[in-house]
Amino acid sequence: MKKLLSALFTLFVSVQALAFTMPWHGPTHTLTLGLSQDDIAHVEFFEPIVNITLENQDYVDVLVVEGYQNRAFRMRALLPQMATRAFFTGESGNTYIVVLTTDVPYRAFVKIADGEAITDVQRKAAMEFGATDLIRAMALDQDIPGVLRETYVIPSWFKGAGITFDLSEVWQSPTLTGLVVHVRNDQPRANEVNLPAVTIPQTDEWGTLRMASMENLRLAPSGRPNDRGILYLVFER
């Protein structure tokens, strides 16, 4: 019996670790949950639910799970193909509109998280790192919570001393802007990137240039190996 309980506990922990997290981003955000007629989905909210309204009770079976203070529910589709809506009212007064359907992939364990709270935490975390941290993240191609990263391609963004600079990415935190710039030597001879002398086009939204970094400043002649490099720029607003 002890071995069985231990195995069940291990299974439960494993399932929790594999739980799919679905962020809720406010009253206008509709969540979509995939259900199955053959298997039960365990769905947990981040706050107690005080009322549930099903658009069509013949399409889905919803049961409250004991021991979770009305935060967890077991759901199963009653038809092989169906779609309906459910309205979950939380203790805070928030209403979570959920589309329950067999038209999207079924997940056995779903956790609905407060997306607004997650965004706030990420924003605060982004406020705590500096220009060096941002350059390090860009160089490692490593995402940072709270930093918006987007492709922003401008070929031949600017040129100087036989070198072409192509803008490829913009990273935005609440206080910093990072740019990833691909650099290539256009000359048939070796060329060096002189960072202090580089004249960088700027916009008011980026702020003041605080840091520039490039691993390979001396570029090989055009067309040969190592004739290119990557320049990282950080502006402070």
Protein backbone atom coordinates (compact mmCIF):
# COMPACT_ATOMS: atom_id res chain seq x y z
CA MET A 1 0.00 0.00 0.00
CA LYS A 2 2.84 2.40 0.89
CA LYS A 3 4.52 1.63 -2.43
CA LEU A 4 1.28 2.35 -4.29
CA LEU A 5 0.81 5.69 -2.49
CA SER A 6 4.44 6.57 -3.19
CA ALA A 7 3.99 5.76 -6.87
CA LEU A 8 0.80 7.82 -7.07
CA PHE A 9 2.50 10.76 -5.36
CA THR A 10 5.43 10.55 -7.78
CA LEU A 11 3.01 10.44 -10.71
CA PHE A 12 1.13 13.48 -9.34
CA VAL A 13 4.36 15.47 -8.93
CA SER A 14 5.42 14.49 -12.45
CA VAL A 15 2.09 15.60 -13.91
CA GLN A 16 2.34 18.91 -12.03
CA ALA A 17 5.80 19.44 -13.43
CA LEU A 18 4.40 18.90 -16.94
CA ALA A 19 1.43 21.23 -16.36
CA PHE A 20 0.68 23.60 -19.22
CA THR A 21 0.47 27.20 -18.00
CA MET A 22 -2.05 29.45 -19.72
CA PRO A 23 -1.83 33.17 -18.81
CA TRP A 24 -5.01 35.25 -18.51
CA HIS A 25 -4.53 38.83 -19.72
CA GLY A 26 -7.59 40.66 -18.47
CA PRO A 27 -11.39 40.78 -18.88
CA THR A 28 -11.33 40.96 -22.68
CA HIS A 29 -9.08 37.90 -23.01
CA THR A 30 -10.79 34.60 -23.93
CA LEU A 31 -9.05 31.37 -22.94
CA THR A 32 -9.32 28.24 -25.09
CA LEU A 33 -9.04 24.78 -23.52
CA GLY A 34 -8.82 21.56 -25.49
CA LEU A 35 -10.94 18.72 -24.09
CA SER A 36 -11.37 15.05 -24.89
CA GLN A 37 -14.27 12.63 -24.64
CA ASP A 38 -11.91 9.88 -23.53
CA ASP A 39 -9.77 11.64 -20.92
CA ILE A 40 -10.34 14.09 -18.07
CA ALA A 41 -8.58 17.45 -18.03
CA HIS A 42 -7.51 18.91 -14.68
CA VAL A 43 -7.77 22.72 -14.78
CA GLU A 44 -6.58 25.01 -11.97
CA PHE A 45 -7.30 28.74 -11.59
CA PHE A 46 -5.11 31.14 -9.61
CA GLU A 47 -8.05 32.21 -7.42
CA PRO A 48 -11.21 30.53 -5.99
CA ILE A 49 -14.16 30.33 -8.38
CA VAL A 50 -17.54 31.26 -6.89
CA ASN A 51 -19.79 30.65 -9.91
CA ILE A 52 -19.75 28.69 -13.18
CA THR A 53 -22.12 29.23 -16.11
CA LEU A 54 -22.01 26.77 -19.00
CA GLU A 55 -23.35 27.88 -22.35
CA ASN A 56 -24.43 24.31 -23.15
CA GLN A 57 -24.43 21.73 -20.37
CA ASP A 58 -24.94 18.88 -22.86
CA TYR A 59 -21.51 19.45 -24.37
CA VAL A 60 -19.19 19.26 -21.37
CA ASP A 61 -19.01 17.80 -17.87
CA VAL A 62 -17.37 20.02 -15.20
CA LEU A 63 -16.72 18.79 -11.64
CA VAL A 64 -15.19 20.66 -8.70
CA VAL A 65 -12.08 18.96 -7.28
CA GLU A 66 -12.12 18.73 -3.49
CA GLY A 67 -9.22 20.12 -1.49
CA TYR A 68 -8.39 23.01 -3.81
CA GLN A 69 -10.66 25.71 -2.30
CA ASN A 70 -12.76 25.87 -5.49
CA ARG A 71 -9.73 26.57 -7.68
CA ALA A 72 -9.52 23.22 -9.51
CA PHE A 73 -11.91 21.46 -11.87
CA ARG A 74 -12.10 18.22 -13.83
CA MET A 75 -13.51 18.63 -17.33
CA ARG A 76 -14.48 16.17 -20.05
CA ALA A 77 -16.16 16.55 -23.42
CA LEU A 78 -19.52 14.76 -23.73
CA LEU A 79 -19.38 14.65 -27.52
CA PRO A 80 -16.59 13.56 -29.89
CA GLN A 81 -16.72 16.97 -31.54
CA MET A 82 -17.95 20.04 -29.74
CA ALA A 83 -17.30 23.66 -28.78
CA THR A 84 -19.00 25.77 -26.14
CA ARG A 85 -18.24 28.55 -23.70
CA ALA A 86 -18.01 28.59 -19.93
CA PHE A 87 -17.98 31.64 -17.67
CA PHE A 88 -16.01 31.26 -14.44
CA THR A 89 -16.51 34.06 -11.89
CA GLY A 90 -13.65 34.43 -9.43
CA GLU A 91 -13.69 35.52 -5.81
CA SER A 92 -12.17 38.84 -6.93
CA GLY A 93 -15.10 39.52 -9.25
CA ASN A 94 -13.13 38.70 -12.41
CA THR A 95 -14.96 36.65 -15.02
CA TYR A 96 -12.87 34.21 -17.03
CA ILE A 97 -14.41 33.42 -20.41
CA VAL A 98 -13.27 29.99 -21.51
CA VAL A 99 -13.92 28.26 -24.83
CA LEU A 100 -14.10 24.49 -24.22
CA THR A 101 -13.58 22.56 -27.42
CA THR A 102 -12.31 19.36 -29.01
CA ASP A 103 -10.94 21.35 -31.95
CA VAL A 104 -7.63 22.19 -30.23
CA PRO A 105 -5.11 19.77 -28.65
CA TYR A 106 -6.22 18.18 -25.38
CA ARG A 107 -4.05 18.79 -22.31
CA ALA A 108 -4.32 16.69 -19.15
CA PHE A 109 -3.15 19.39 -16.70
CA VAL A 110 -3.68 23.11 -17.24
CA LYS A 111 -2.82 25.95 -14.86
CA ILE A 112 -4.43 29.32 -15.55
CA ALA A 113 -2.08 32.05 -14.34
CA ASP A 114 -2.60 35.76 -13.76
CA GLY A 115 -0.92 37.18 -16.86
CA GLU A 116 -1.10 40.74 -15.54
CA ALA A 117 0.80 39.78 -12.39
CA ILE A 118 3.41 37.90 -14.45
CA THR A 119 3.91 40.97 -16.65
CA ASP A 120 4.37 43.20 -13.60
CA VAL A 121 7.01 40.86 -12.15
CA GLN A 122 8.83 40.72 -15.49
CA ARG A 123 8.71 44.51 -15.79
CA LYS A 124 10.18 44.96 -12.31
CA ALA A 125 12.88 42.39 -13.03
CA ALA A 126 13.78 44.21 -16.25
CA MET A 127 14.25 47.44 -14.29
CA GLU A 128 17.00 45.86 -12.18
CA PHE A 129 19.59 45.01 -14.83
CA GLY A 130 21.96 47.41 -16.55
CA ALA A 131 23.59 47.99 -19.93
CA THR A 132 26.25 45.31 -19.39
CA ASP A 133 23.60 42.70 -18.55
CA LEU A 134 21.67 43.57 -21.71
CA ILE A 135 24.75 43.33 -23.93
CA ARG A 136 25.60 39.97 -22.37
CA ALA A 137 22.08 38.67 -23.06
CA MET A 138 22.18 39.88 -26.67
CA ALA A 139 25.59 38.28 -27.23
CA LEU A 140 24.36 34.97 -25.77
CA ASP A 141 21.08 35.23 -27.73
CA GLN A 142 19.31 34.74 -24.40
CA ASP A 143 15.84 36.13 -23.70
CA ILE A 144 15.28 38.22 -20.55
CA PRO A 145 11.90 38.40 -18.74
CA GLY A 146 10.37 41.82 -19.25
CA VAL A 147 12.44 42.66 -22.36
CA LEU A 148 10.62 42.89 -25.68
CA ARG A 149 12.74 41.47 -28.46
CA GLU A 150 11.79 42.00 -32.09
CA THR A 151 13.31 41.56 -35.51
CA TYR A 152 13.98 44.99 -36.98
CA VAL A 153 15.84 44.52 -40.24
CA ILE A 154 17.33 47.60 -41.96
CA PRO A 155 19.94 46.55 -44.55
CA SER A 156 22.76 49.09 -44.99
CA TRP A 157 21.52 50.95 -41.92
CA PHE A 158 24.61 53.12 -42.22
CA LYS A 159 28.10 52.96 -43.76
CA GLY A 160 31.53 54.33 -42.91
CA ALA A 161 35.22 53.73 -43.71
CA GLY A 162 34.42 50.90 -46.12
CA ILE A 163 32.21 49.07 -43.62
CA THR A 164 28.47 48.43 -43.85
CA PHE A 165 26.25 48.14 -40.75
CA ASP A 166 22.95 46.20 -41.03
CA LEU A 167 20.47 46.56 -38.17
CA SER A 168 18.82 43.22 -37.35
CA GLU A 169 17.21 43.28 -33.88
CA VAL A 170 15.88 45.70 -31.27
CA TRP A 171 15.63 44.76 -27.57
CA GLN A 172 13.47 47.02 -25.37
CA SER A 173 13.31 47.14 -21.56
CA PRO A 174 11.51 49.85 -19.54
CA THR A 175 14.75 51.91 -19.45
CA LEU A 176 17.13 50.48 -22.08
CA THR A 177 17.19 49.85 -25.82
CA GLY A 178 19.61 47.30 -27.25
CA LEU A 179 20.48 46.99 -30.93
CA VAL A 180 22.05 44.01 -32.68
CA VAL A 181 23.96 45.20 -35.75
CA HIS A 182 25.68 42.96 -38.33
CA VAL A 183 28.90 44.47 -39.63
CA ARG A 184 30.66 43.57 -42.88
CA ASN A 185 33.87 44.73 -44.50
CA ASP A 186 33.38 46.01 -48.05
CA GLN A 187 37.10 46.55 -48.71
CA PRO A 188 39.49 44.08 -50.44
CA ARG A 189 41.90 44.61 -47.55
CA ALA A 190 41.65 44.11 -43.78
CA ASN A 191 39.67 46.81 -42.01
CA GLU A 192 39.13 47.78 -38.40
CA VAL A 193 35.92 48.94 -36.72
CA ASN A 194 36.72 52.04 -34.69
CA LEU A 195 33.84 52.15 -32.20
CA PRO A 196 34.50 55.68 -30.85
CA ALA A 197 34.50 57.02 -34.41
CA VAL A 198 31.35 55.21 -35.54
CA THR A 199 28.53 57.66 -36.25
CA ILE A 200 25.32 55.83 -35.31
CA PRO A 201 21.90 57.00 -36.54
CA GLN A 202 19.75 57.60 -33.46
CA THR A 203 16.09 58.18 -32.75
CA ASP A 204 14.60 60.00 -29.77
CA GLU A 205 12.85 56.84 -28.57
CA TRP A 206 16.16 55.01 -28.05
CA GLY A 207 17.75 57.59 -25.77
CA THR A 208 21.47 58.17 -25.20
CA LEU A 209 24.12 55.68 -26.31
CA ARG A 210 25.74 54.21 -23.18
CA MET A 211 27.68 51.18 -24.36
CA ALA A 212 29.00 49.54 -27.53
CA SER A 213 30.66 46.14 -27.79
CA MET A 214 32.04 44.03 -30.62
CA GLU A 215 34.05 40.84 -30.27
CA ASN A 216 35.88 40.99 -33.60
CA LEU A 217 36.95 44.59 -34.32
CA ARG A 218 39.48 43.71 -37.03
CA LEU A 219 37.71 42.35 -40.10
CA ALA A 220 39.35 40.27 -42.82
CA PRO A 221 39.24 41.43 -46.46
CA SER A 222 35.80 41.23 -48.07
CA GLY A 223 34.86 37.73 -49.20
CA ARG A 224 37.26 35.98 -46.86
CA PRO A 225 36.51 34.21 -43.53
CA ASN A 226 36.04 36.62 -40.61
CA ASP A 227 35.14 39.56 -42.84
CA ARG A 228 32.01 40.07 -40.71
CA GLY A 229 31.15 40.67 -37.05
CA ILE A 230 28.30 41.65 -34.74
CA LEU A 231 28.08 44.98 -32.96
CA TYR A 232 25.95 45.39 -29.81
CA LEU A 233 24.69 48.84 -28.81
CA VAL A 234 22.82 49.86 -25.68
CA PHE A 235 20.95 53.15 -25.27
CA GLU A 236 19.47 54.50 -22.03
CA ARG A 237 16.19 56.42 -22.05
